[in-house]
Amino acid sequence: IVKSILAGMLIGCGCLAYVVIENKYIGSFLFS
């Protein structure tokens, strides 16, 4: 349960980076 939720939380951080950063190349890079 913990490892599954933490995985989701990391993807959530990636979503934030992609949305907040105007340059989508940098945003997608940080999403990884």
Full PDB file with SEQRES, HELIX, SHEET, SSBOND, CRYST1, ORIGX, SCALE, CONECT and MASTER records, all heavy atoms in Angstrom:
SEQRES   1 A   32  ILE VAL LYS SER ILE LEU ALA GLY MET LEU ILE GLY CYS          
SEQRES   2 A   32  GLY CYS LEU ALA TYR VAL VAL ILE GLU ASN LYS TYR ILE          
SEQRES   3 A   32  GLY SER PHE LEU PHE SER                                      
HELIX    1 AA1 VAL A    2  VAL A   20  1                                  19    
HELIX    2 AA2 LYS A   24  PHE A   31  1                                   8    
CRYST1    1.000    1.000    1.000  90.00  90.00  90.00 P 1           1          
ORIGX1      1.000000  0.000000  0.000000        0.00000                         
ORIGX2      0.000000  1.000000  0.000000        0.00000                         
ORIGX3      0.000000  0.000000  1.000000        0.00000                         
SCALE1      1.000000  0.000000  0.000000        0.00000                         
SCALE2      0.000000  1.000000  0.000000        0.00000                         
SCALE3      0.000000  0.000000  1.000000        0.00000                         
ATOM      1  N   ILE A   1       0.834  -1.208   0.000  1.00  0.00           N  
ATOM      2  CA  ILE A   1       0.000   0.000   0.000  1.00  0.00           C  
ATOM      3  C   ILE A   1       0.865   1.253   0.000  1.00  0.00           C  
ATOM      4  O   ILE A   1       0.658   2.178  -0.800  1.00  0.00           O  
ATOM      5  CB  ILE A   1      -0.950  -0.005   1.220  1.00  0.00           C  
ATOM      6  CG1 ILE A   1      -1.976  -1.128   1.090  1.00  0.00           C  
ATOM      7  CG2 ILE A   1      -1.652   1.346   1.364  1.00  0.00           C  
ATOM      8  CD1 ILE A   1      -2.808  -1.351   2.338  1.00  0.00           C  
ATOM      9  N   VAL A   2       1.856   1.287   0.891  1.00  0.00           N  
ATOM     10  CA  VAL A   2       2.715   2.466   1.011  1.00  0.00           C  
ATOM     11  C   VAL A   2       3.496   2.705  -0.275  1.00  0.00           C  
ATOM     12  O   VAL A   2       3.572   3.837  -0.784  1.00  0.00           O  
ATOM     13  CB  VAL A   2       3.680   2.317   2.206  1.00  0.00           C  
ATOM     14  CG1 VAL A   2       4.727   3.430   2.201  1.00  0.00           C  
ATOM     15  CG2 VAL A   2       2.900   2.329   3.519  1.00  0.00           C  
ATOM     16  N   LYS A   3       4.073   1.650  -0.843  1.00  0.00           N  
ATOM     17  CA  LYS A   3       4.877   1.803  -2.066  1.00  0.00           C  
ATOM     18  C   LYS A   3       4.015   2.220  -3.256  1.00  0.00           C  
ATOM     19  O   LYS A   3       4.501   2.917  -4.160  1.00  0.00           O  
ATOM     20  CB  LYS A   3       5.611   0.500  -2.376  1.00  0.00           C  
ATOM     21  CG  LYS A   3       6.782   0.223  -1.439  1.00  0.00           C  
ATOM     22  CD  LYS A   3       7.519  -1.041  -1.846  1.00  0.00           C  
ATOM     23  CE  LYS A   3       8.748  -1.267  -0.978  1.00  0.00           C  
ATOM     24  NZ  LYS A   3       9.503  -2.465  -1.391  1.00  0.00           N  
ATOM     25  N   SER A   4       2.766   1.802  -3.266  1.00  0.00           N  
ATOM     26  CA  SER A   4       1.868   2.184  -4.357  1.00  0.00           C  
ATOM     27  C   SER A   4       1.455   3.646  -4.238  1.00  0.00           C  
ATOM     28  O   SER A   4       1.417   4.382  -5.227  1.00  0.00           O  
ATOM     29  CB  SER A   4       0.632   1.285  -4.363  1.00  0.00           C  
ATOM     30  OG  SER A   4       0.982  -0.066  -4.574  1.00  0.00           O  
ATOM     31  N   ILE A   5       1.143   4.083  -3.019  1.00  0.00           N  
ATOM     32  CA  ILE A   5       0.763   5.481  -2.808  1.00  0.00           C  
ATOM     33  C   ILE A   5       1.952   6.412  -3.060  1.00  0.00           C  
ATOM     34  O   ILE A   5       1.812   7.467  -3.700  1.00  0.00           O  
ATOM     35  CB  ILE A   5       0.206   5.687  -1.388  1.00  0.00           C  
ATOM     36  CG1 ILE A   5      -1.126   4.939  -1.232  1.00  0.00           C  
ATOM     37  CG2 ILE A   5       0.003   7.173  -1.097  1.00  0.00           C  
ATOM     38  CD1 ILE A   5      -1.702   4.979   0.164  1.00  0.00           C  
ATOM     39  N   LEU A   6       3.136   6.009  -2.585  1.00  0.00           N  
ATOM     40  CA  LEU A   6       4.325   6.835  -2.803  1.00  0.00           C  
ATOM     41  C   LEU A   6       4.649   6.962  -4.289  1.00  0.00           C  
ATOM     42  O   LEU A   6       5.071   8.033  -4.750  1.00  0.00           O  
ATOM     43  CB  LEU A   6       5.521   6.252  -2.056  1.00  0.00           C  
ATOM     44  CG  LEU A   6       5.504   6.416  -0.531  1.00  0.00           C  
ATOM     45  CD1 LEU A   6       6.690   5.683   0.093  1.00  0.00           C  
ATOM     46  CD2 LEU A   6       5.512   7.887  -0.131  1.00  0.00           C  
ATOM     47  N   ALA A   7       4.452   5.889  -5.033  1.00  0.00           N  
ATOM     48  CA  ALA A   7       4.669   5.956  -6.485  1.00  0.00           C  
ATOM     49  C   ALA A   7       3.731   6.988  -7.097  1.00  0.00           C  
ATOM     50  O   ALA A   7       4.139   7.808  -7.933  1.00  0.00           O  
ATOM     51  CB  ALA A   7       4.439   4.582  -7.117  1.00  0.00           C  
ATOM     52  N   GLY A   8       2.475   6.957  -6.666  1.00  0.00           N  
ATOM     53  CA  GLY A   8       1.518   7.937  -7.163  1.00  0.00           C  
ATOM     54  C   GLY A   8       1.899   9.360  -6.794  1.00  0.00           C  
ATOM     55  O   GLY A   8       1.771  10.285  -7.608  1.00  0.00           O  
ATOM     56  N   MET A   9       2.391   9.547  -5.597  1.00  0.00           N  
ATOM     57  CA  MET A   9       2.784  10.880  -5.154  1.00  0.00           C  
ATOM     58  C   MET A   9       3.939  11.426  -5.986  1.00  0.00           C  
ATOM     59  O   MET A   9       3.982  12.618  -6.305  1.00  0.00           O  
ATOM     60  CB  MET A   9       3.153  10.850  -3.672  1.00  0.00           C  
ATOM     61  CG  MET A   9       1.966  10.541  -2.769  1.00  0.00           C  
ATOM     62  SD  MET A   9       2.375  10.403  -1.011  1.00  0.00           S  
ATOM     63  CE  MET A   9       2.597  12.136  -0.603  1.00  0.00           C  
ATOM     64  N   LEU A  10       4.867  10.557  -6.363  1.00  0.00           N  
ATOM     65  CA  LEU A  10       5.973  10.987  -7.220  1.00  0.00           C  
ATOM     66  C   LEU A  10       5.471  11.390  -8.603  1.00  0.00           C  
ATOM     67  O   LEU A  10       5.954  12.373  -9.186  1.00  0.00           O  
ATOM     68  CB  LEU A  10       7.012   9.869  -7.333  1.00  0.00           C  
ATOM     69  CG  LEU A  10       7.883   9.670  -6.092  1.00  0.00           C  
ATOM     70  CD1 LEU A  10       8.631   8.344  -6.169  1.00  0.00           C  
ATOM     71  CD2 LEU A  10       8.868  10.824  -5.942  1.00  0.00           C  
ATOM     72  N   ILE A  11       4.505  10.650  -9.131  1.00  0.00           N  
ATOM     73  CA  ILE A  11       3.909  11.027 -10.415  1.00  0.00           C  
ATOM     74  C   ILE A  11       3.172  12.357 -10.271  1.00  0.00           C  
ATOM     75  O   ILE A  11       3.192  13.201 -11.176  1.00  0.00           O  
ATOM     76  CB  ILE A  11       2.955   9.931 -10.923  1.00  0.00           C  
ATOM     77  CG1 ILE A  11       3.727   8.631 -11.184  1.00  0.00           C  
ATOM     78  CG2 ILE A  11       2.245  10.388 -12.206  1.00  0.00           C  
ATOM     79  CD1 ILE A  11       4.815   8.727 -12.227  1.00  0.00           C  
ATOM     80  N   GLY A  12       2.540  12.571  -9.115  1.00  0.00           N  
ATOM     81  CA  GLY A  12       1.871  13.840  -8.858  1.00  0.00           C  
ATOM     82  C   GLY A  12       2.837  15.015  -8.897  1.00  0.00           C  
ATOM     83  O   GLY A  12       2.512  16.088  -9.420  1.00  0.00           O  
ATOM     84  N   CYS A  13       4.029  14.822  -8.345  1.00  0.00           N  
ATOM     85  CA  CYS A  13       5.067  15.858  -8.408  1.00  0.00           C  
ATOM     86  C   CYS A  13       5.473  16.117  -9.858  1.00  0.00           C  
ATOM     87  O   CYS A  13       5.707  17.272 -10.261  1.00  0.00           O  
ATOM     88  CB  CYS A  13       6.280  15.445  -7.587  1.00  0.00           C  
ATOM     89  SG  CYS A  13       5.985  15.406  -5.803  1.00  0.00           S  
ATOM     90  N   GLY A  14       5.547  15.040 -10.642  1.00  0.00           N  
ATOM     91  CA  GLY A  14       5.868  15.193 -12.060  1.00  0.00           C  
ATOM     92  C   GLY A  14       4.791  15.980 -12.796  1.00  0.00           C  
ATOM     93  O   GLY A  14       5.096  16.814 -13.652  1.00  0.00           O  
ATOM     94  N   CYS A  15       3.541  15.719 -12.458  1.00  0.00           N  
ATOM     95  CA  CYS A  15       2.426  16.466 -13.062  1.00  0.00           C  
ATOM     96  C   CYS A  15       2.557  17.953 -12.767  1.00  0.00           C  
ATOM     97  O   CYS A  15       2.354  18.804 -13.642  1.00  0.00           O  
ATOM     98  CB  CYS A  15       1.097  15.952 -12.521  1.00  0.00           C  
ATOM     99  SG  CYS A  15       0.646  14.292 -13.044  1.00  0.00           S  
ATOM    100  N   LEU A  16       2.897  18.265 -11.520  1.00  0.00           N  
ATOM    101  CA  LEU A  16       3.056  19.663 -11.134  1.00  0.00           C  
ATOM    102  C   LEU A  16       4.162  20.328 -11.941  1.00  0.00           C  
ATOM    103  O   LEU A  16       3.986  21.434 -12.463  1.00  0.00           O  
ATOM    104  CB  LEU A  16       3.373  19.760  -9.640  1.00  0.00           C  
ATOM    105  CG  LEU A  16       3.626  21.182  -9.133  1.00  0.00           C  
ATOM    106  CD1 LEU A  16       2.343  21.987  -9.122  1.00  0.00           C  
ATOM    107  CD2 LEU A  16       4.253  21.165  -7.743  1.00  0.00           C  
ATOM    108  N   ALA A  17       5.295  19.647 -12.062  1.00  0.00           N  
ATOM    109  CA  ALA A  17       6.415  20.217 -12.810  1.00  0.00           C  
ATOM    110  C   ALA A  17       6.015  20.503 -14.253  1.00  0.00           C  
ATOM    111  O   ALA A  17       6.323  21.572 -14.797  1.00  0.00           O  
ATOM    112  CB  ALA A  17       7.607  19.267 -12.771  1.00  0.00           C  
ATOM    113  N   TYR A  18       5.314  19.568 -14.865  1.00  0.00           N  
ATOM    114  CA  TYR A  18       4.924  19.739 -16.267  1.00  0.00           C  
ATOM    115  C   TYR A  18       3.964  20.907 -16.432  1.00  0.00           C  
ATOM    116  O   TYR A  18       4.043  21.657 -17.420  1.00  0.00           O  
ATOM    117  CB  TYR A  18       4.285  18.461 -16.796  1.00  0.00           C  
ATOM    118  CG  TYR A  18       3.896  18.564 -18.248  1.00  0.00           C  
ATOM    119  CD1 TYR A  18       4.869  18.629 -19.245  1.00  0.00           C  
ATOM    120  CD2 TYR A  18       2.564  18.627 -18.624  1.00  0.00           C  
ATOM    121  CE1 TYR A  18       4.521  18.744 -20.577  1.00  0.00           C  
ATOM    122  CE2 TYR A  18       2.205  18.740 -19.954  1.00  0.00           C  
ATOM    123  CZ  TYR A  18       3.181  18.806 -20.928  1.00  0.00           C  
ATOM    124  OH  TYR A  18       2.829  18.930 -22.243  1.00  0.00           O  
ATOM    125  N   VAL A  19       3.044  21.082 -15.487  1.00  0.00           N  
ATOM    126  CA  VAL A  19       2.044  22.144 -15.593  1.00  0.00           C  
ATOM    127  C   VAL A  19       2.647  23.511 -15.270  1.00  0.00           C  
ATOM    128  O   VAL A  19       2.365  24.501 -15.954  1.00  0.00           O  
ATOM    129  CB  VAL A  19       0.846  21.858 -14.654  1.00  0.00           C  
ATOM    130  CG1 VAL A  19      -0.087  23.060 -14.568  1.00  0.00           C  
ATOM    131  CG2 VAL A  19       0.082  20.631 -15.135  1.00  0.00           C  
ATOM    132  N   VAL A  20       3.464  23.589 -14.243  1.00  0.00           N  
ATOM    133  CA  VAL A  20       3.985  24.870 -13.765  1.00  0.00           C  
ATOM    134  C   VAL A  20       5.062  25.430 -14.684  1.00  0.00           C  
ATOM    135  O   VAL A  20       5.117  26.642 -14.933  1.00  0.00           O  
ATOM    136  CB  VAL A  20       4.539  24.716 -12.329  1.00  0.00           C  
ATOM    137  CG1 VAL A  20       5.324  25.954 -11.908  1.00  0.00           C  
ATOM    138  CG2 VAL A  20       3.395  24.470 -11.355  1.00  0.00           C  
ATOM    139  N   ILE A  21       5.928  24.552 -15.200  1.00  0.00           N  
ATOM    140  CA  ILE A  21       7.058  25.019 -16.012  1.00  0.00           C  
ATOM    141  C   ILE A  21       6.584  25.331 -17.423  1.00  0.00           C  
ATOM    142  O   ILE A  21       6.003  24.474 -18.107  1.00  0.00           O  
ATOM    143  CB  ILE A  21       8.176  23.964 -16.029  1.00  0.00           C  
ATOM    144  CG1 ILE A  21       8.714  23.762 -14.608  1.00  0.00           C  
ATOM    145  CG2 ILE A  21       9.303  24.382 -16.967  1.00  0.00           C  
ATOM    146  CD1 ILE A  21       9.657  22.598 -14.457  1.00  0.00           C  
ATOM    147  N   GLU A  22       6.822  26.540 -17.864  1.00  0.00           N  
ATOM    148  CA  GLU A  22       6.320  26.988 -19.164  1.00  0.00           C  
ATOM    149  C   GLU A  22       6.962  26.227 -20.318  1.00  0.00           C  
ATOM    150  O   GLU A  22       6.297  25.895 -21.306  1.00  0.00           O  
ATOM    151  CB  GLU A  22       6.566  28.494 -19.321  1.00  0.00           C  
ATOM    152  CG  GLU A  22       5.934  29.082 -20.564  1.00  0.00           C  
ATOM    153  CD  GLU A  22       6.073  30.599 -20.620  1.00  0.00           C  
ATOM    154  OE1 GLU A  22       6.523  31.186 -19.621  1.00  0.00           O  
ATOM    155  OE2 GLU A  22       5.738  31.172 -21.671  1.00  0.00           O  
ATOM    156  N   ASN A  23       8.249  25.966 -20.216  1.00  0.00           N  
ATOM    157  CA  ASN A  23       8.949  25.213 -21.263  1.00  0.00           C  
ATOM    158  C   ASN A  23       8.625  23.729 -21.095  1.00  0.00           C  
ATOM    159  O   ASN A  23       9.067  23.093 -20.141  1.00  0.00           O  
ATOM    160  CB  ASN A  23      10.458  25.439 -21.153  1.00  0.00           C  
ATOM    161  CG  ASN A  23      11.233  24.815 -22.293  1.00  0.00           C  
ATOM    162  OD1 ASN A  23      11.024  23.663 -22.646  1.00  0.00           O  
ATOM    163  ND2 ASN A  23      12.156  25.579 -22.864  1.00  0.00           N  
ATOM    164  N   LYS A  24       7.845  23.180 -22.021  1.00  0.00           N  
ATOM    165  CA  LYS A  24       7.361  21.811 -21.878  1.00  0.00           C  
ATOM    166  C   LYS A  24       8.459  20.771 -22.052  1.00  0.00           C  
ATOM    167  O   LYS A  24       8.322  19.632 -21.585  1.00  0.00           O  
ATOM    168  CB  LYS A  24       6.210  21.540 -22.853  1.00  0.00           C  
ATOM    169  CG  LYS A  24       4.981  22.401 -22.557  1.00  0.00           C  
ATOM    170  CD  LYS A  24       4.577  22.311 -21.090  1.00  0.00           C  
ATOM    171  CE  LYS A  24       3.457  23.236 -20.709  1.00  0.00           C  
ATOM    172  NZ  LYS A  24       3.195  23.262 -19.245  1.00  0.00           N  
ATOM    173  N   TYR A  25       9.552  21.128 -22.720  1.00  0.00           N  
ATOM    174  CA  TYR A  25      10.680  20.203 -22.838  1.00  0.00           C  
ATOM    175  C   TYR A  25      11.332  20.019 -21.468  1.00  0.00           C  
ATOM    176  O   TYR A  25      11.666  18.901 -21.066  1.00  0.00           O  
ATOM    177  CB  TYR A  25      11.698  20.715 -23.856  1.00  0.00           C  
ATOM    178  CG  TYR A  25      11.163  20.739 -25.265  1.00  0.00           C  
ATOM    179  CD1 TYR A  25      10.655  21.912 -25.817  1.00  0.00           C  
ATOM    180  CD2 TYR A  25      11.141  19.578 -26.037  1.00  0.00           C  
ATOM    181  CE1 TYR A  25      10.142  21.933 -27.109  1.00  0.00           C  
ATOM    182  CE2 TYR A  25      10.638  19.588 -27.333  1.00  0.00           C  
ATOM    183  CZ  TYR A  25      10.132  20.769 -27.856  1.00  0.00           C  
ATOM    184  OH  TYR A  25       9.610  20.776 -29.123  1.00  0.00           O  
ATOM    185  N   ILE A  26      11.484  21.121 -20.750  1.00  0.00           N  
ATOM    186  CA  ILE A  26      12.055  21.034 -19.402  1.00  0.00           C  
ATOM    187  C   ILE A  26      11.065  20.351 -18.463  1.00  0.00           C  
ATOM    188  O   ILE A  26      11.440  19.507 -17.642  1.00  0.00           O  
ATOM    189  CB  ILE A  26      12.419  22.439 -18.868  1.00  0.00           C  
ATOM    190  CG1 ILE A  26      13.504  23.060 -19.742  1.00  0.00           C  
ATOM    191  CG2 ILE A  26      12.875  22.360 -17.404  1.00  0.00           C  
ATOM    192  CD1 ILE A  26      13.862  24.488 -19.367  1.00  0.00           C  
ATOM    193  N   GLY A  27       9.785  20.688 -18.601  1.00  0.00           N  
ATOM    194  CA  GLY A  27       8.761  20.080 -17.759  1.00  0.00           C  
ATOM    195  C   GLY A  27       8.691  18.573 -17.926  1.00  0.00           C  
ATOM    196  O   GLY A  27       8.611  17.829 -16.939  1.00  0.00           O  
ATOM    197  N   SER A  28       8.741  18.107 -19.168  1.00  0.00           N  
ATOM    198  CA  SER A  28       8.690  16.664 -19.408  1.00  0.00           C  
ATOM    199  C   SER A  28       9.972  15.977 -18.958  1.00  0.00           C  
ATOM    200  O   SER A  28       9.950  14.831 -18.498  1.00  0.00           O  
ATOM    201  CB  SER A  28       8.432  16.383 -20.901  1.00  0.00           C  
ATOM    202  OG  SER A  28       9.455  16.946 -21.708  1.00  0.00           O  
ATOM    203  N   PHE A  29      11.093  16.694 -19.076  1.00  0.00           N  
ATOM    204  CA  PHE A  29      12.370  16.157 -18.592  1.00  0.00           C  
ATOM    205  C   PHE A  29      12.312  15.934 -17.078  1.00  0.00           C  
ATOM    206  O   PHE A  29      12.697  14.868 -16.570  1.00  0.00           O  
ATOM    207  CB  PHE A  29      13.503  17.114 -18.949  1.00  0.00           C  
ATOM    208  CG  PHE A  29      14.840  16.724 -18.391  1.00  0.00           C  
ATOM    209  CD1 PHE A  29      15.625  15.767 -19.013  1.00  0.00           C  
ATOM    210  CD2 PHE A  29      15.323  17.326 -17.231  1.00  0.00           C  
ATOM    211  CE1 PHE A  29      16.862  15.401 -18.490  1.00  0.00           C  
ATOM    212  CE2 PHE A  29      16.554  16.972 -16.706  1.00  0.00           C  
ATOM    213  CZ  PHE A  29      17.328  16.006 -17.335  1.00  0.00           C  
ATOM    214  N   LEU A  30      11.807  16.916 -16.350  1.00  0.00           N  
ATOM    215  CA  LEU A  30      11.728  16.800 -14.894  1.00  0.00           C  
ATOM    216  C   LEU A  30      10.662  15.788 -14.469  1.00  0.00           C  
ATOM    217  O   LEU A  30      10.783  15.176 -13.404  1.00  0.00           O  
ATOM    218  CB  LEU A  30      11.444  18.170 -14.281  1.00  0.00           C  
ATOM    219  CG  LEU A  30      12.579  19.186 -14.416  1.00  0.00           C  
ATOM    220  CD1 LEU A  30      12.173  20.528 -13.833  1.00  0.00           C  
ATOM    221  CD2 LEU A  30      13.849  18.676 -13.747  1.00  0.00           C  
ATOM    222  N   PHE A  31       9.643  15.614 -15.283  1.00  0.00           N  
ATOM    223  CA  PHE A  31       8.621  14.610 -14.984  1.00  0.00           C  
ATOM    224  C   PHE A  31       9.259  13.230 -14.843  1.00  0.00           C  
ATOM    225  O   PHE A  31       8.833  12.414 -14.024  1.00  0.00           O  
ATOM    226  CB  PHE A  31       7.571  14.593 -16.101  1.00  0.00           C  
ATOM    227  CG  PHE A  31       6.374  13.723 -15.825  1.00  0.00           C  
ATOM    228  CD1 PHE A  31       5.177  14.285 -15.424  1.00  0.00           C  
ATOM    229  CD2 PHE A  31       6.433  12.338 -15.967  1.00  0.00           C  
ATOM    230  CE1 PHE A  31       4.061  13.497 -15.169  1.00  0.00           C  
ATOM    231  CE2 PHE A  31       5.340  11.544 -15.710  1.00  0.00           C  
ATOM    232  CZ  PHE A  31       4.150  12.117 -15.304  1.00  0.00           C  
ATOM    233  N   SER A  32      10.281  12.974 -15.646  1.00  0.00           N  
ATOM    234  CA  SER A  32      10.921  11.654 -15.644  1.00  0.00           C  
ATOM    235  C   SER A  32      11.615  11.334 -14.325  1.00  0.00           C  
ATOM    236  O   SER A  32      11.875  10.172 -14.026  1.00  0.00           O  
ATOM    237  CB  SER A  32      11.922  11.541 -16.795  1.00  0.00           C  
ATOM    238  OG  SER A  32      12.987  12.463 -16.627  1.00  0.00           O  
TER     239      SER A  32                                                      
MASTER        0    0    0    2    0    0    0    6  238    1    0    3          
END                                                                             
